Amino acid sequence: MWKLKHLRHLNTRGPMKLRGSCSESTEKMWNLQSIPALLLNRQAISLIKKGTFPNLKRIGLKVASRNKGEFPILLQSLLQLSNLNNLEIVLRDRHDKGIEDSVEESVERNNGCKPQELLQSLEQFSSLTVLSIDNCLDLLTCAVTLPPNVTELTLSEIRCINDDGMNGLGNHTKLKILRLCGDNVPYENSFDLNCVEGNFPHLEVFEMEFLAVGKWKLGNGAMSRLNSLLIYRCGRLDDLPSELWCLSELKKVQVTEPSEQLTHILRNLELNNGIQLVMEDDLDRIYSYENLFWRNLLGRTL
């Protein structure tokens, strides 16, 4: 790989484990801008510290170890990447070696650090605008702090959210796009989303997928600039906040596979402010994608 001097984007099917080292400690890959999946270990960090990837803008990291306190220290080494603006972190889960299926999962048990330690280690990444964290589990059960300039945030495999976590997200004033994704495996417990007054002042796009949310409350002035809302297979959500329909910037609400009660409510809802409401089940969604595929294919062959 070190001989590919003009390489800009490196794509792999899974996390890449770096072995060996550059032939010379001063050798650099000046043109490399993105590595989508890199196993975060001491070897990778050693190369980053040497300045091997000086112009990296996007990187995906798979956590390799659950040694206590090691991950935040390794993460701090990425501060040398001054051009980094897109970071994806895949935390460890039950499928990783050394994690027992019978043990209740948490960020700390799986990765050797508390949620607060992980979040605090990200605060100094001032160049980041896009952040994604997978296998979040209980990450949103503490006061959330984000890198100061993040505008797009995706959090996946969420098991629980409390008021501390939601308030922390809502107080991040630069956030424009937020995706909260749960697990498509159903769990017994549900949770509430409480967006207090004035939270999410610049949020434009909000997406919820597979989230075990039971109730959603929206305070006055919260999400005041919301333009688009997507709710995908959140089967425990039986109603939407009445304040939602009063948002002056809201243009589209799309709900896929709503609960029976939410379906009834939305079908009887009268909208007079130009909001486009789309309801569909998953089969409709797949069918529309297939139609679009064939229309595009036939269009290219005519």
C-alpha atoms as a PDB file:
ATOM      1  CA  MET A   1       0.000   0.000   0.000  1.00  0.00           C
ATOM      2  CA  TRP A   2       2.846   2.382   0.799  1.00  0.00           C
ATOM      3  CA  LYS A   3       3.902   2.372  -2.864  1.00  0.00           C
ATOM      4  CA  LEU A   4       0.550   3.844  -4.028  1.00  0.00           C
ATOM      5  CA  LYS A   5       1.725   7.447  -3.858  1.00  0.00           C
ATOM      6  CA  HIS A   6      -1.259   8.870  -5.766  1.00  0.00           C
ATOM      7  CA  LEU A   7      -3.931   6.969  -3.828  1.00  0.00           C
ATOM      8  CA  ARG A   8      -6.704   9.302  -2.613  1.00  0.00           C
ATOM      9  CA  HIS A   9      -9.460   7.003  -1.346  1.00  0.00           C
ATOM     10  CA  LEU A  10      -8.947   3.548   0.147  1.00  0.00           C
ATOM     11  CA  ASN A  11     -11.988   1.256   0.307  1.00  0.00           C
ATOM     12  CA  THR A  12     -12.150  -2.142   2.004  1.00  0.00           C
ATOM     13  CA  ARG A  13     -14.973  -4.603   2.679  1.00  0.00           C
ATOM     14  CA  GLY A  14     -14.261  -4.628   6.407  1.00  0.00           C
ATOM     15  CA  PRO A  15     -11.940  -3.102   9.022  1.00  0.00           C
ATOM     16  CA  MET A  16      -8.359  -3.012   7.781  1.00  0.00           C
ATOM     17  CA  LYS A  17      -5.572  -4.033  10.147  1.00  0.00           C
ATOM     18  CA  LEU A  18      -2.279  -2.307   9.405  1.00  0.00           C
ATOM     19  CA  ARG A  19       0.765  -4.549   9.647  1.00  0.00           C
ATOM     20  CA  GLY A  20       4.443  -3.700   9.458  1.00  0.00           C
ATOM     21  CA  SER A  21       5.395  -0.098   8.789  1.00  0.00           C
ATOM     22  CA  CYS A  22       6.537   2.263   6.085  1.00  0.00           C
ATOM     23  CA  SER A  23       9.948   1.469   4.714  1.00  0.00           C
ATOM     24  CA  GLU A  24      11.156   4.737   6.224  1.00  0.00           C
ATOM     25  CA  SER A  25       9.755   6.474   9.292  1.00  0.00           C
ATOM     26  CA  THR A  26       9.505   9.744   7.352  1.00  0.00           C
ATOM     27  CA  GLU A  27       7.577   8.275   4.412  1.00  0.00           C
ATOM     28  CA  LYS A  28       4.137   9.839   3.941  1.00  0.00           C
ATOM     29  CA  MET A  29       1.003   9.207   1.870  1.00  0.00           C
ATOM     30  CA  TRP A  30       0.403  12.841   0.927  1.00  0.00           C
ATOM     31  CA  ASN A  31      -2.617  12.269  -1.333  1.00  0.00           C
ATOM     32  CA  LEU A  32      -4.643   9.889   0.827  1.00  0.00           C
ATOM     33  CA  GLN A  33      -7.880  11.587   1.949  1.00  0.00           C
ATOM     34  CA  SER A  34     -10.150   8.795   3.195  1.00  0.00           C
ATOM     35  CA  ILE A  35      -9.884   5.444   4.967  1.00  0.00           C
ATOM     36  CA  PRO A  36     -13.398   4.136   5.676  1.00  0.00           C
ATOM     37  CA  ALA A  37     -12.543   1.231   8.009  1.00  0.00           C
ATOM     38  CA  LEU A  38      -9.341   1.039  10.059  1.00  0.00           C
ATOM     39  CA  LEU A  39      -8.773  -1.171  13.085  1.00  0.00           C
ATOM     40  CA  LEU A  40      -7.785   1.191  15.885  1.00  0.00           C
ATOM     41  CA  ASN A  41      -4.730  -0.398  17.474  1.00  0.00           C
ATOM     42  CA  ARG A  42      -1.270   0.715  18.565  1.00  0.00           C
ATOM     43  CA  GLN A  43       0.194   0.038  15.110  1.00  0.00           C
ATOM     44  CA  ALA A  44      -2.321   2.349  13.412  1.00  0.00           C
ATOM     45  CA  ILE A  45      -1.797   5.062  16.017  1.00  0.00           C
ATOM     46  CA  SER A  46       1.969   4.793  15.654  1.00  0.00           C
ATOM     47  CA  LEU A  47       1.711   5.509  11.923  1.00  0.00           C
ATOM     48  CA  ILE A  48      -0.664   8.422  12.507  1.00  0.00           C
ATOM     49  CA  LYS A  49       1.725   9.921  15.071  1.00  0.00           C
ATOM     50  CA  LYS A  50       4.555   9.700  12.521  1.00  0.00           C
ATOM     51  CA  GLY A  51       2.485  11.859  10.164  1.00  0.00           C
ATOM     52  CA  THR A  52       2.019   9.069   7.627  1.00  0.00           C
ATOM     53  CA  PHE A  53      -1.415  10.393   6.577  1.00  0.00           C
ATOM     54  CA  PRO A  54      -1.040  14.196   6.784  1.00  0.00           C
ATOM     55  CA  ASN A  55      -4.041  15.121   4.587  1.00  0.00           C
ATOM     56  CA  LEU A  56      -6.612  12.598   5.791  1.00  0.00           C
ATOM     57  CA  LYS A  57     -10.111  14.132   5.804  1.00  0.00           C
ATOM     58  CA  ARG A  58     -12.287  11.099   6.528  1.00  0.00           C
ATOM     59  CA  ILE A  59     -11.586   8.021   8.627  1.00  0.00           C
ATOM     60  CA  GLY A  60     -13.605   5.130  10.037  1.00  0.00           C
ATOM     61  CA  LEU A  61     -12.299   3.412  13.158  1.00  0.00           C
ATOM     62  CA  LYS A  62     -13.155   0.014  14.603  1.00  0.00           C
ATOM     63  CA  VAL A  63     -12.291  -0.274  18.298  1.00  0.00           C
ATOM     64  CA  ALA A  64     -10.002  -3.266  18.788  1.00  0.00           C
ATOM     65  CA  SER A  65      -9.435  -3.406  22.541  1.00  0.00           C
ATOM     66  CA  ARG A  66     -11.460  -3.172  25.731  1.00  0.00           C
ATOM     67  CA  ASN A  67      -8.430  -2.575  27.968  1.00  0.00           C
ATOM     68  CA  LYS A  68      -9.464  -0.073  30.603  1.00  0.00           C
ATOM     69  CA  GLY A  69      -8.828   3.531  29.574  1.00  0.00           C
ATOM     70  CA  GLU A  70      -6.937   2.663  26.388  1.00  0.00           C
ATOM     71  CA  PHE A  71      -9.477   3.785  23.776  1.00  0.00           C
ATOM     72  CA  PRO A  72      -9.708   7.500  24.783  1.00  0.00           C
ATOM     73  CA  ILE A  73      -5.895   7.690  24.805  1.00  0.00           C
ATOM     74  CA  LEU A  74      -5.670   6.197  21.312  1.00  0.00           C
ATOM     75  CA  LEU A  75      -8.417   8.525  20.123  1.00  0.00           C
ATOM     76  CA  GLN A  76      -6.488  11.590  21.320  1.00  0.00           C
ATOM     77  CA  SER A  77      -3.673  10.666  18.926  1.00  0.00           C
ATOM     78  CA  LEU A  78      -5.977  11.528  16.015  1.00  0.00           C
ATOM     79  CA  LEU A  79      -5.736  15.211  16.923  1.00  0.00           C
ATOM     80  CA  GLN A  80      -2.624  15.282  14.724  1.00  0.00           C
ATOM     81  CA  LEU A  81      -4.936  14.927  11.710  1.00  0.00           C
ATOM     82  CA  SER A  82      -5.618  18.652  11.340  1.00  0.00           C
ATOM     83  CA  ASN A  83      -7.686  18.210   8.142  1.00  0.00           C
ATOM     84  CA  LEU A  84     -10.002  15.541   9.567  1.00  0.00           C
ATOM     85  CA  ASN A  85     -13.660  16.584   9.170  1.00  0.00           C
ATOM     86  CA  ASN A  86     -15.504  13.238   8.964  1.00  0.00           C
ATOM     87  CA  LEU A  87     -15.085  10.599  11.684  1.00  0.00           C
ATOM     88  CA  GLU A  88     -16.902   7.282  12.109  1.00  0.00           C
ATOM     89  CA  ILE A  89     -16.349   5.200  15.240  1.00  0.00           C
ATOM     90  CA  VAL A  90     -17.538   1.587  15.511  1.00  0.00           C
ATOM     91  CA  LEU A  91     -17.534   0.539  19.152  1.00  0.00           C
ATOM     92  CA  ARG A  92     -17.317  -3.081  20.216  1.00  0.00           C
ATOM     93  CA  ASP A  93     -20.479  -5.190  20.524  1.00  0.00           C
ATOM     94  CA  ARG A  94     -21.587  -8.708  21.436  1.00  0.00           C
ATOM     95  CA  HIS A  95     -20.163 -10.116  18.206  1.00  0.00           C
ATOM     96  CA  ASP A  96     -16.592  -9.112  19.083  1.00  0.00           C
ATOM     97  CA  LYS A  97     -14.127 -11.502  20.647  1.00  0.00           C
ATOM     98  CA  GLY A  98     -14.102 -11.537  24.439  1.00  0.00           C
ATOM     99  CA  ILE A  99     -17.672 -10.280  24.980  1.00  0.00           C
ATOM    100  CA  GLU A 100     -20.048 -12.856  26.435  1.00  0.00           C
ATOM    101  CA  ASP A 101     -23.587 -13.034  25.065  1.00  0.00           C
ATOM    102  CA  SER A 102     -24.970 -13.618  28.557  1.00  0.00           C
ATOM    103  CA  VAL A 103     -23.526 -10.362  29.936  1.00  0.00           C
ATOM    104  CA  GLU A 104     -25.585  -7.187  29.658  1.00  0.00           C
ATOM    105  CA  GLU A 105     -23.841  -4.887  27.214  1.00  0.00           C
ATOM    106  CA  SER A 106     -22.743  -1.330  27.897  1.00  0.00           C
ATOM    107  CA  VAL A 107     -20.189   1.077  26.447  1.00  0.00           C
ATOM    108  CA  GLU A 108     -17.942   0.630  29.466  1.00  0.00           C
ATOM    109  CA  ARG A 109     -18.141  -3.165  29.607  1.00  0.00           C
ATOM    110  CA  ASN A 110     -17.502  -3.574  25.883  1.00  0.00           C
ATOM    111  CA  ASN A 111     -14.846  -0.881  25.361  1.00  0.00           C
ATOM    112  CA  GLY A 112     -13.143  -0.310  28.726  1.00  0.00           C
ATOM    113  CA  CYS A 113     -14.202   3.345  29.098  1.00  0.00           C
ATOM    114  CA  LYS A 114     -17.207   5.164  30.515  1.00  0.00           C
ATOM    115  CA  PRO A 115     -19.516   7.047  28.111  1.00  0.00           C
ATOM    116  CA  GLN A 116     -18.357  10.355  29.634  1.00  0.00           C
ATOM    117  CA  GLU A 117     -14.703   9.477  28.943  1.00  0.00           C
ATOM    118  CA  LEU A 118     -15.455   8.671  25.322  1.00  0.00           C
ATOM    119  CA  LEU A 119     -17.402  11.881  24.765  1.00  0.00           C
ATOM    120  CA  GLN A 120     -14.840  14.060  26.541  1.00  0.00           C
ATOM    121  CA  SER A 121     -12.075  12.652  24.348  1.00  0.00           C
ATOM    122  CA  LEU A 122     -13.953  13.963  21.276  1.00  0.00           C
ATOM    123  CA  GLU A 123     -14.414  17.535  22.505  1.00  0.00           C
ATOM    124  CA  GLN A 124     -11.087  18.759  21.136  1.00  0.00           C
ATOM    125  CA  PHE A 125     -11.782  17.676  17.535  1.00  0.00           C
ATOM    126  CA  SER A 126     -12.652  21.193  16.378  1.00  0.00           C
ATOM    127  CA  SER A 127     -12.285  20.429  12.668  1.00  0.00           C
ATOM    128  CA  LEU A 128     -14.973  17.699  12.683  1.00  0.00           C
ATOM    129  CA  THR A 129     -18.263  18.515  10.968  1.00  0.00           C
ATOM    130  CA  VAL A 130     -19.589  14.951  10.474  1.00  0.00           C
ATOM    131  CA  LEU A 131     -19.565  12.386  13.288  1.00  0.00           C
ATOM    132  CA  SER A 132     -20.974   8.861  13.379  1.00  0.00           C
ATOM    133  CA  ILE A 133     -20.829   6.417  16.303  1.00  0.00           C
ATOM    134  CA  ASP A 134     -22.052   2.821  15.988  1.00  0.00           C
ATOM    135  CA  ASN A 135     -22.942   0.438  18.851  1.00  0.00           C
ATOM    136  CA  CYS A 136     -23.842   3.356  21.126  1.00  0.00           C
ATOM    137  CA  LEU A 137     -25.862   1.213  23.571  1.00  0.00           C
ATOM    138  CA  ASP A 138     -26.109   3.414  26.719  1.00  0.00           C
ATOM    139  CA  LEU A 139     -23.997   6.315  25.416  1.00  0.00           C
ATOM    140  CA  LEU A 140     -26.948   8.728  25.628  1.00  0.00           C
ATOM    141  CA  THR A 141     -27.574   8.160  29.327  1.00  0.00           C
ATOM    142  CA  CYS A 142     -25.100  10.833  30.426  1.00  0.00           C
ATOM    143  CA  ALA A 143     -24.483  14.509  29.710  1.00  0.00           C
ATOM    144  CA  VAL A 144     -23.480  14.596  26.048  1.00  0.00           C
ATOM    145  CA  THR A 145     -20.751  16.894  24.765  1.00  0.00           C
ATOM    146  CA  LEU A 146     -19.871  16.993  21.082  1.00  0.00           C
ATOM    147  CA  PRO A 147     -17.016  18.430  19.023  1.00  0.00           C
ATOM    148  CA  PRO A 148     -17.881  22.144  18.702  1.00  0.00           C
ATOM    149  CA  ASN A 149     -18.410  22.305  14.928  1.00  0.00           C
ATOM    150  CA  VAL A 150     -20.315  19.085  14.233  1.00  0.00           C
ATOM    151  CA  THR A 151     -23.332  19.764  11.990  1.00  0.00           C
ATOM    152  CA  GLU A 152     -24.243  16.151  11.111  1.00  0.00           C
ATOM    153  CA  LEU A 153     -24.501  13.407  13.743  1.00  0.00           C
ATOM    154  CA  THR A 154     -25.476   9.733  13.393  1.00  0.00           C
ATOM    155  CA  LEU A 155     -25.782   7.498  16.450  1.00  0.00           C
ATOM    156  CA  SER A 156     -26.624   3.829  15.878  1.00  0.00           C
ATOM    157  CA  GLU A 157     -27.545   0.750  17.923  1.00  0.00           C
ATOM    158  CA  ILE A 158     -29.000   2.896  20.708  1.00  0.00           C
ATOM    159  CA  ARG A 159     -30.553   0.930  23.579  1.00  0.00           C
ATOM    160  CA  CYS A 160     -31.598   3.792  25.858  1.00  0.00           C
ATOM    161  CA  ILE A 161     -31.831   7.598  25.989  1.00  0.00           C
ATOM    162  CA  ASN A 162     -32.516   9.682  29.096  1.00  0.00           C
ATOM    163  CA  ASP A 163     -33.084  13.412  29.631  1.00  0.00           C
ATOM    164  CA  ASP A 164     -29.370  14.092  30.228  1.00  0.00           C
ATOM    165  CA  GLY A 165     -28.462  12.609  26.872  1.00  0.00           C
ATOM    166  CA  MET A 166     -31.252  14.352  24.975  1.00  0.00           C
ATOM    167  CA  ASN A 167     -30.535  17.725  26.576  1.00  0.00           C
ATOM    168  CA  GLY A 168     -26.861  17.398  25.700  1.00  0.00           C
ATOM    169  CA  LEU A 169     -27.727  16.820  22.046  1.00  0.00           C
ATOM    170  CA  GLY A 170     -30.263  19.634  22.068  1.00  0.00           C
ATOM    171  CA  ASN A 171     -27.793  22.135  23.498  1.00  0.00           C
ATOM    172  CA  HIS A 172     -25.401  21.637  20.564  1.00  0.00           C
ATOM    173  CA  THR A 173     -26.396  24.730  18.609  1.00  0.00           C
ATOM    174  CA  LYS A 174     -24.655  23.917  15.302  1.00  0.00           C
ATOM    175  CA  LEU A 175     -26.367  20.569  14.756  1.00  0.00           C
ATOM    176  CA  LYS A 176     -28.357  20.513  11.483  1.00  0.00           C
ATOM    177  CA  ILE A 177     -28.797  16.793  10.758  1.00  0.00           C
ATOM    178  CA  LEU A 178     -29.476  14.200  13.475  1.00  0.00           C
ATOM    179  CA  ARG A 179     -30.023  10.463  12.987  1.00  0.00           C
ATOM    180  CA  LEU A 180     -30.883   8.300  15.993  1.00  0.00           C
ATOM    181  CA  CYS A 181     -30.976   4.586  15.178  1.00  0.00           C
ATOM    182  CA  GLY A 182     -31.853   1.691  17.442  1.00  0.00           C
ATOM    183  CA  ASP A 183     -31.569  -2.037  16.948  1.00  0.00           C
ATOM    184  CA  ASN A 184     -33.904  -3.995  14.671  1.00  0.00           C
ATOM    185  CA  VAL A 185     -33.970  -6.660  17.414  1.00  0.00           C
ATOM    186  CA  PRO A 186     -36.868  -5.648  19.722  1.00  0.00           C
ATOM    187  CA  TYR A 187     -36.189  -5.051  23.441  1.00  0.00           C
ATOM    188  CA  GLU A 188     -38.633  -5.034  26.346  1.00  0.00           C
ATOM    189  CA  ASN A 189     -37.982  -1.521  27.627  1.00  0.00           C
ATOM    190  CA  SER A 190     -38.929   1.680  25.843  1.00  0.00           C
ATOM    191  CA  PHE A 191     -37.886   5.256  26.649  1.00  0.00           C
ATOM    192  CA  ASP A 192     -39.144   8.791  26.160  1.00  0.00           C
ATOM    193  CA  LEU A 193     -37.640  11.581  24.074  1.00  0.00           C
ATOM    194  CA  ASN A 194     -38.003  14.888  25.887  1.00  0.00           C
ATOM    195  CA  CYS A 195     -36.948  17.894  23.804  1.00  0.00           C
ATOM    196  CA  VAL A 196     -37.168  20.869  26.145  1.00  0.00           C
ATOM    197  CA  GLU A 197     -37.962  24.445  25.189  1.00  0.00           C
ATOM    198  CA  GLY A 198     -35.413  26.011  22.830  1.00  0.00           C
ATOM    199  CA  ASN A 199     -33.423  22.822  22.202  1.00  0.00           C
ATOM    200  CA  PHE A 200     -32.062  21.972  18.726  1.00  0.00           C
ATOM    201  CA  PRO A 201     -32.283  25.595  17.498  1.00  0.00           C
ATOM    202  CA  HIS A 202     -30.728  24.920  14.063  1.00  0.00           C
ATOM    203  CA  LEU A 203     -31.784  21.315  13.424  1.00  0.00           C
ATOM    204  CA  GLU A 204     -33.177  20.887   9.894  1.00  0.00           C
ATOM    205  CA  VAL A 205     -33.351  17.094   9.457  1.00  0.00           C
ATOM    206  CA  PHE A 206     -34.326  14.579  12.156  1.00  0.00           C
ATOM    207  CA  GLU A 207     -34.424  10.834  11.503  1.00  0.00           C
ATOM    208  CA  MET A 208     -35.437   8.038  13.880  1.00  0.00           C
ATOM    209  CA  GLU A 209     -34.971   4.410  12.842  1.00  0.00           C
ATOM    210  CA  PHE A 210     -35.750   1.237  14.832  1.00  0.00           C
ATOM    211  CA  LEU A 211     -35.819   3.390  17.966  1.00  0.00           C
ATOM    212  CA  ALA A 212     -37.605   1.980  21.060  1.00  0.00           C
ATOM    213  CA  VAL A 213     -39.182   5.342  21.803  1.00  0.00           C
ATOM    214  CA  GLY A 214     -42.555   5.249  23.542  1.00  0.00           C
ATOM    215  CA  LYS A 215     -43.348   8.957  23.861  1.00  0.00           C
ATOM    216  CA  TRP A 216     -41.928  12.038  22.187  1.00  0.00           C
ATOM    217  CA  LYS A 217     -42.366  15.445  23.800  1.00  0.00           C
ATOM    218  CA  LEU A 218     -41.502  18.680  22.028  1.00  0.00           C
ATOM    219  CA  GLY A 219     -41.225  21.860  24.098  1.00  0.00           C
ATOM    220  CA  ASN A 220     -42.155  25.292  22.793  1.00  0.00           C
ATOM    221  CA  GLY A 221     -39.490  26.596  20.403  1.00  0.00           C
ATOM    222  CA  ALA A 222     -37.669  23.239  20.206  1.00  0.00           C
ATOM    223  CA  MET A 223     -36.564  22.202  16.696  1.00  0.00           C
ATOM    224  CA  SER A 224     -37.861  25.533  15.411  1.00  0.00           C
ATOM    225  CA  ARG A 225     -36.065  25.175  12.046  1.00  0.00           C
ATOM    226  CA  LEU A 226     -36.955  21.528  11.404  1.00  0.00           C
ATOM    227  CA  ASN A 227     -37.581  20.980   7.694  1.00  0.00           C
ATOM    228  CA  SER A 228     -37.758  17.186   7.331  1.00  0.00           C
ATOM    229  CA  LEU A 229     -38.737  14.352   9.704  1.00  0.00           C
ATOM    230  CA  LEU A 230     -38.292  10.643   8.983  1.00  0.00           C
ATOM    231  CA  ILE A 231     -39.607   7.954  11.333  1.00  0.00           C
ATOM    232  CA  TYR A 232     -38.741   4.433  10.203  1.00  0.00           C
ATOM    233  CA  ARG A 233     -40.081   1.359  12.018  1.00  0.00           C
ATOM    234  CA  CYS A 234     -40.448   2.883  15.489  1.00  0.00           C
ATOM    235  CA  GLY A 235     -43.352   0.596  16.382  1.00  0.00           C
ATOM    236  CA  ARG A 236     -43.769   1.710  19.993  1.00  0.00           C
ATOM    237  CA  LEU A 237     -44.390   5.339  19.125  1.00  0.00           C
ATOM    238  CA  ASP A 238     -48.165   5.815  19.280  1.00  0.00           C
ATOM    239  CA  ASP A 239     -48.409   9.578  18.794  1.00  0.00           C
ATOM    240  CA  LEU A 240     -46.471  12.621  17.593  1.00  0.00           C
ATOM    241  CA  PRO A 241     -46.245  15.852  19.581  1.00  0.00           C
ATOM    242  CA  SER A 242     -48.908  18.405  18.657  1.00  0.00           C
ATOM    243  CA  GLU A 243     -46.207  21.107  18.631  1.00  0.00           C
ATOM    244  CA  LEU A 244     -44.641  19.388  15.616  1.00  0.00           C
ATOM    245  CA  TRP A 245     -47.408  20.515  13.251  1.00  0.00           C
ATOM    246  CA  CYS A 246     -46.942  24.157  14.300  1.00  0.00           C
ATOM    247  CA  LEU A 247     -43.310  24.349  13.130  1.00  0.00           C
ATOM    248  CA  SER A 248     -43.237  26.989  10.395  1.00  0.00           C
ATOM    249  CA  GLU A 249     -40.238  25.504   8.550  1.00  0.00           C
ATOM    250  CA  LEU A 250     -41.516  21.900   8.459  1.00  0.00           C
ATOM    251  CA  LYS A 251     -42.088  20.679   4.894  1.00  0.00           C
ATOM    252  CA  LYS A 252     -42.172  16.870   5.026  1.00  0.00           C
ATOM    253  CA  VAL A 253     -43.016  14.135   7.536  1.00  0.00           C
ATOM    254  CA  GLN A 254     -42.441  10.553   6.413  1.00  0.00           C
ATOM    255  CA  VAL A 255     -43.483   7.618   8.614  1.00  0.00           C
ATOM    256  CA  THR A 256     -42.745   4.027   7.614  1.00  0.00           C
ATOM    257  CA  GLU A 257     -44.526   1.149   9.374  1.00  0.00           C
ATOM    258  CA  PRO A 258     -46.195   3.225  12.087  1.00  0.00           C
ATOM    259  CA  SER A 259     -48.027   1.557  14.974  1.00  0.00           C
ATOM    260  CA  GLU A 260     -51.734   0.882  14.543  1.00  0.00           C
ATOM    261  CA  GLN A 261     -52.641   3.761  16.840  1.00  0.00           C
ATOM    262  CA  LEU A 262     -50.301   6.221  15.116  1.00  0.00           C
ATOM    263  CA  THR A 263     -51.635   5.120  11.716  1.00  0.00           C
ATOM    264  CA  HIS A 264     -55.182   5.929  12.833  1.00  0.00           C
ATOM    265  CA  ILE A 265     -54.143   9.343  14.212  1.00  0.00           C
ATOM    266  CA  LEU A 266     -52.219  10.368  11.087  1.00  0.00           C
ATOM    267  CA  ARG A 267     -54.990   9.264   8.716  1.00  0.00           C
ATOM    268  CA  ASN A 268     -57.446  11.520  10.529  1.00  0.00           C
ATOM    269  CA  LEU A 269     -55.062  14.446  10.826  1.00  0.00           C
ATOM    270  CA  GLU A 270     -56.030  17.670   9.055  1.00  0.00           C
ATOM    271  CA  LEU A 271     -53.077  19.722   7.827  1.00  0.00           C
ATOM    272  CA  ASN A 272     -53.516  23.271   6.579  1.00  0.00           C
ATOM    273  CA  ASN A 273     -49.950  24.543   6.528  1.00  0.00           C
ATOM    274  CA  GLY A 274     -48.524  22.817   3.447  1.00  0.00           C
ATOM    275  CA  ILE A 275     -46.744  19.973   5.260  1.00  0.00           C
ATOM    276  CA  GLN A 276     -46.360  16.845   3.126  1.00  0.00           C
ATOM    277  CA  LEU A 277     -47.294  13.761   5.166  1.00  0.00           C
ATOM    278  CA  VAL A 278     -46.178  10.403   3.734  1.00  0.00           C
ATOM    279  CA  MET A 279     -47.135   7.075   5.307  1.00  0.00           C
ATOM    280  CA  GLU A 280     -45.960   3.762   3.922  1.00  0.00           C
ATOM    281  CA  ASP A 281     -45.205   0.223   4.928  1.00  0.00           C
ATOM    282  CA  ASP A 282     -41.880  -1.399   4.125  1.00  0.00           C
ATOM    283  CA  LEU A 283     -43.224  -3.303   1.125  1.00  0.00           C
ATOM    284  CA  ASP A 284     -44.366  -0.038  -0.459  1.00  0.00           C
ATOM    285  CA  ARG A 285     -40.890   1.385   0.139  1.00  0.00           C
ATOM    286  CA  ILE A 286     -39.161  -1.609  -1.483  1.00  0.00           C
ATOM    287  CA  TYR A 287     -41.602  -1.572  -4.420  1.00  0.00           C
ATOM    288  CA  SER A 288     -41.005   2.122  -5.082  1.00  0.00           C
ATOM    289  CA  TYR A 289     -37.221   1.603  -5.018  1.00  0.00           C
ATOM    290  CA  GLU A 290     -37.512  -1.282  -7.488  1.00  0.00           C
ATOM    291  CA  ASN A 291     -39.641   0.846  -9.833  1.00  0.00           C
ATOM    292  CA  LEU A 292     -37.111   3.663  -9.641  1.00  0.00           C
ATOM    293  CA  PHE A 293     -34.283   1.226 -10.429  1.00  0.00           C
ATOM    294  CA  TRP A 294     -36.009  -0.142 -13.530  1.00  0.00           C
ATOM    295  CA  ARG A 295     -37.050   3.324 -14.744  1.00  0.00           C
ATOM    296  CA  ASN A 296     -33.449   4.493 -14.505  1.00  0.00           C
ATOM    297  CA  LEU A 297     -32.154   1.341 -16.192  1.00  0.00           C
ATOM    298  CA  LEU A 298     -34.632   1.539 -19.057  1.00  0.00           C
ATOM    299  CA  GLY A 299     -33.958   5.240 -19.442  1.00  0.00           C
ATOM    300  CA  ARG A 300     -30.269   4.568 -19.998  1.00  0.00           C
ATOM    301  CA  THR A 301     -30.924   1.850 -22.569  1.00  0.00           C
ATOM    302  CA  LEU A 302     -33.409   3.808 -24.712  1.00  0.00           C
END
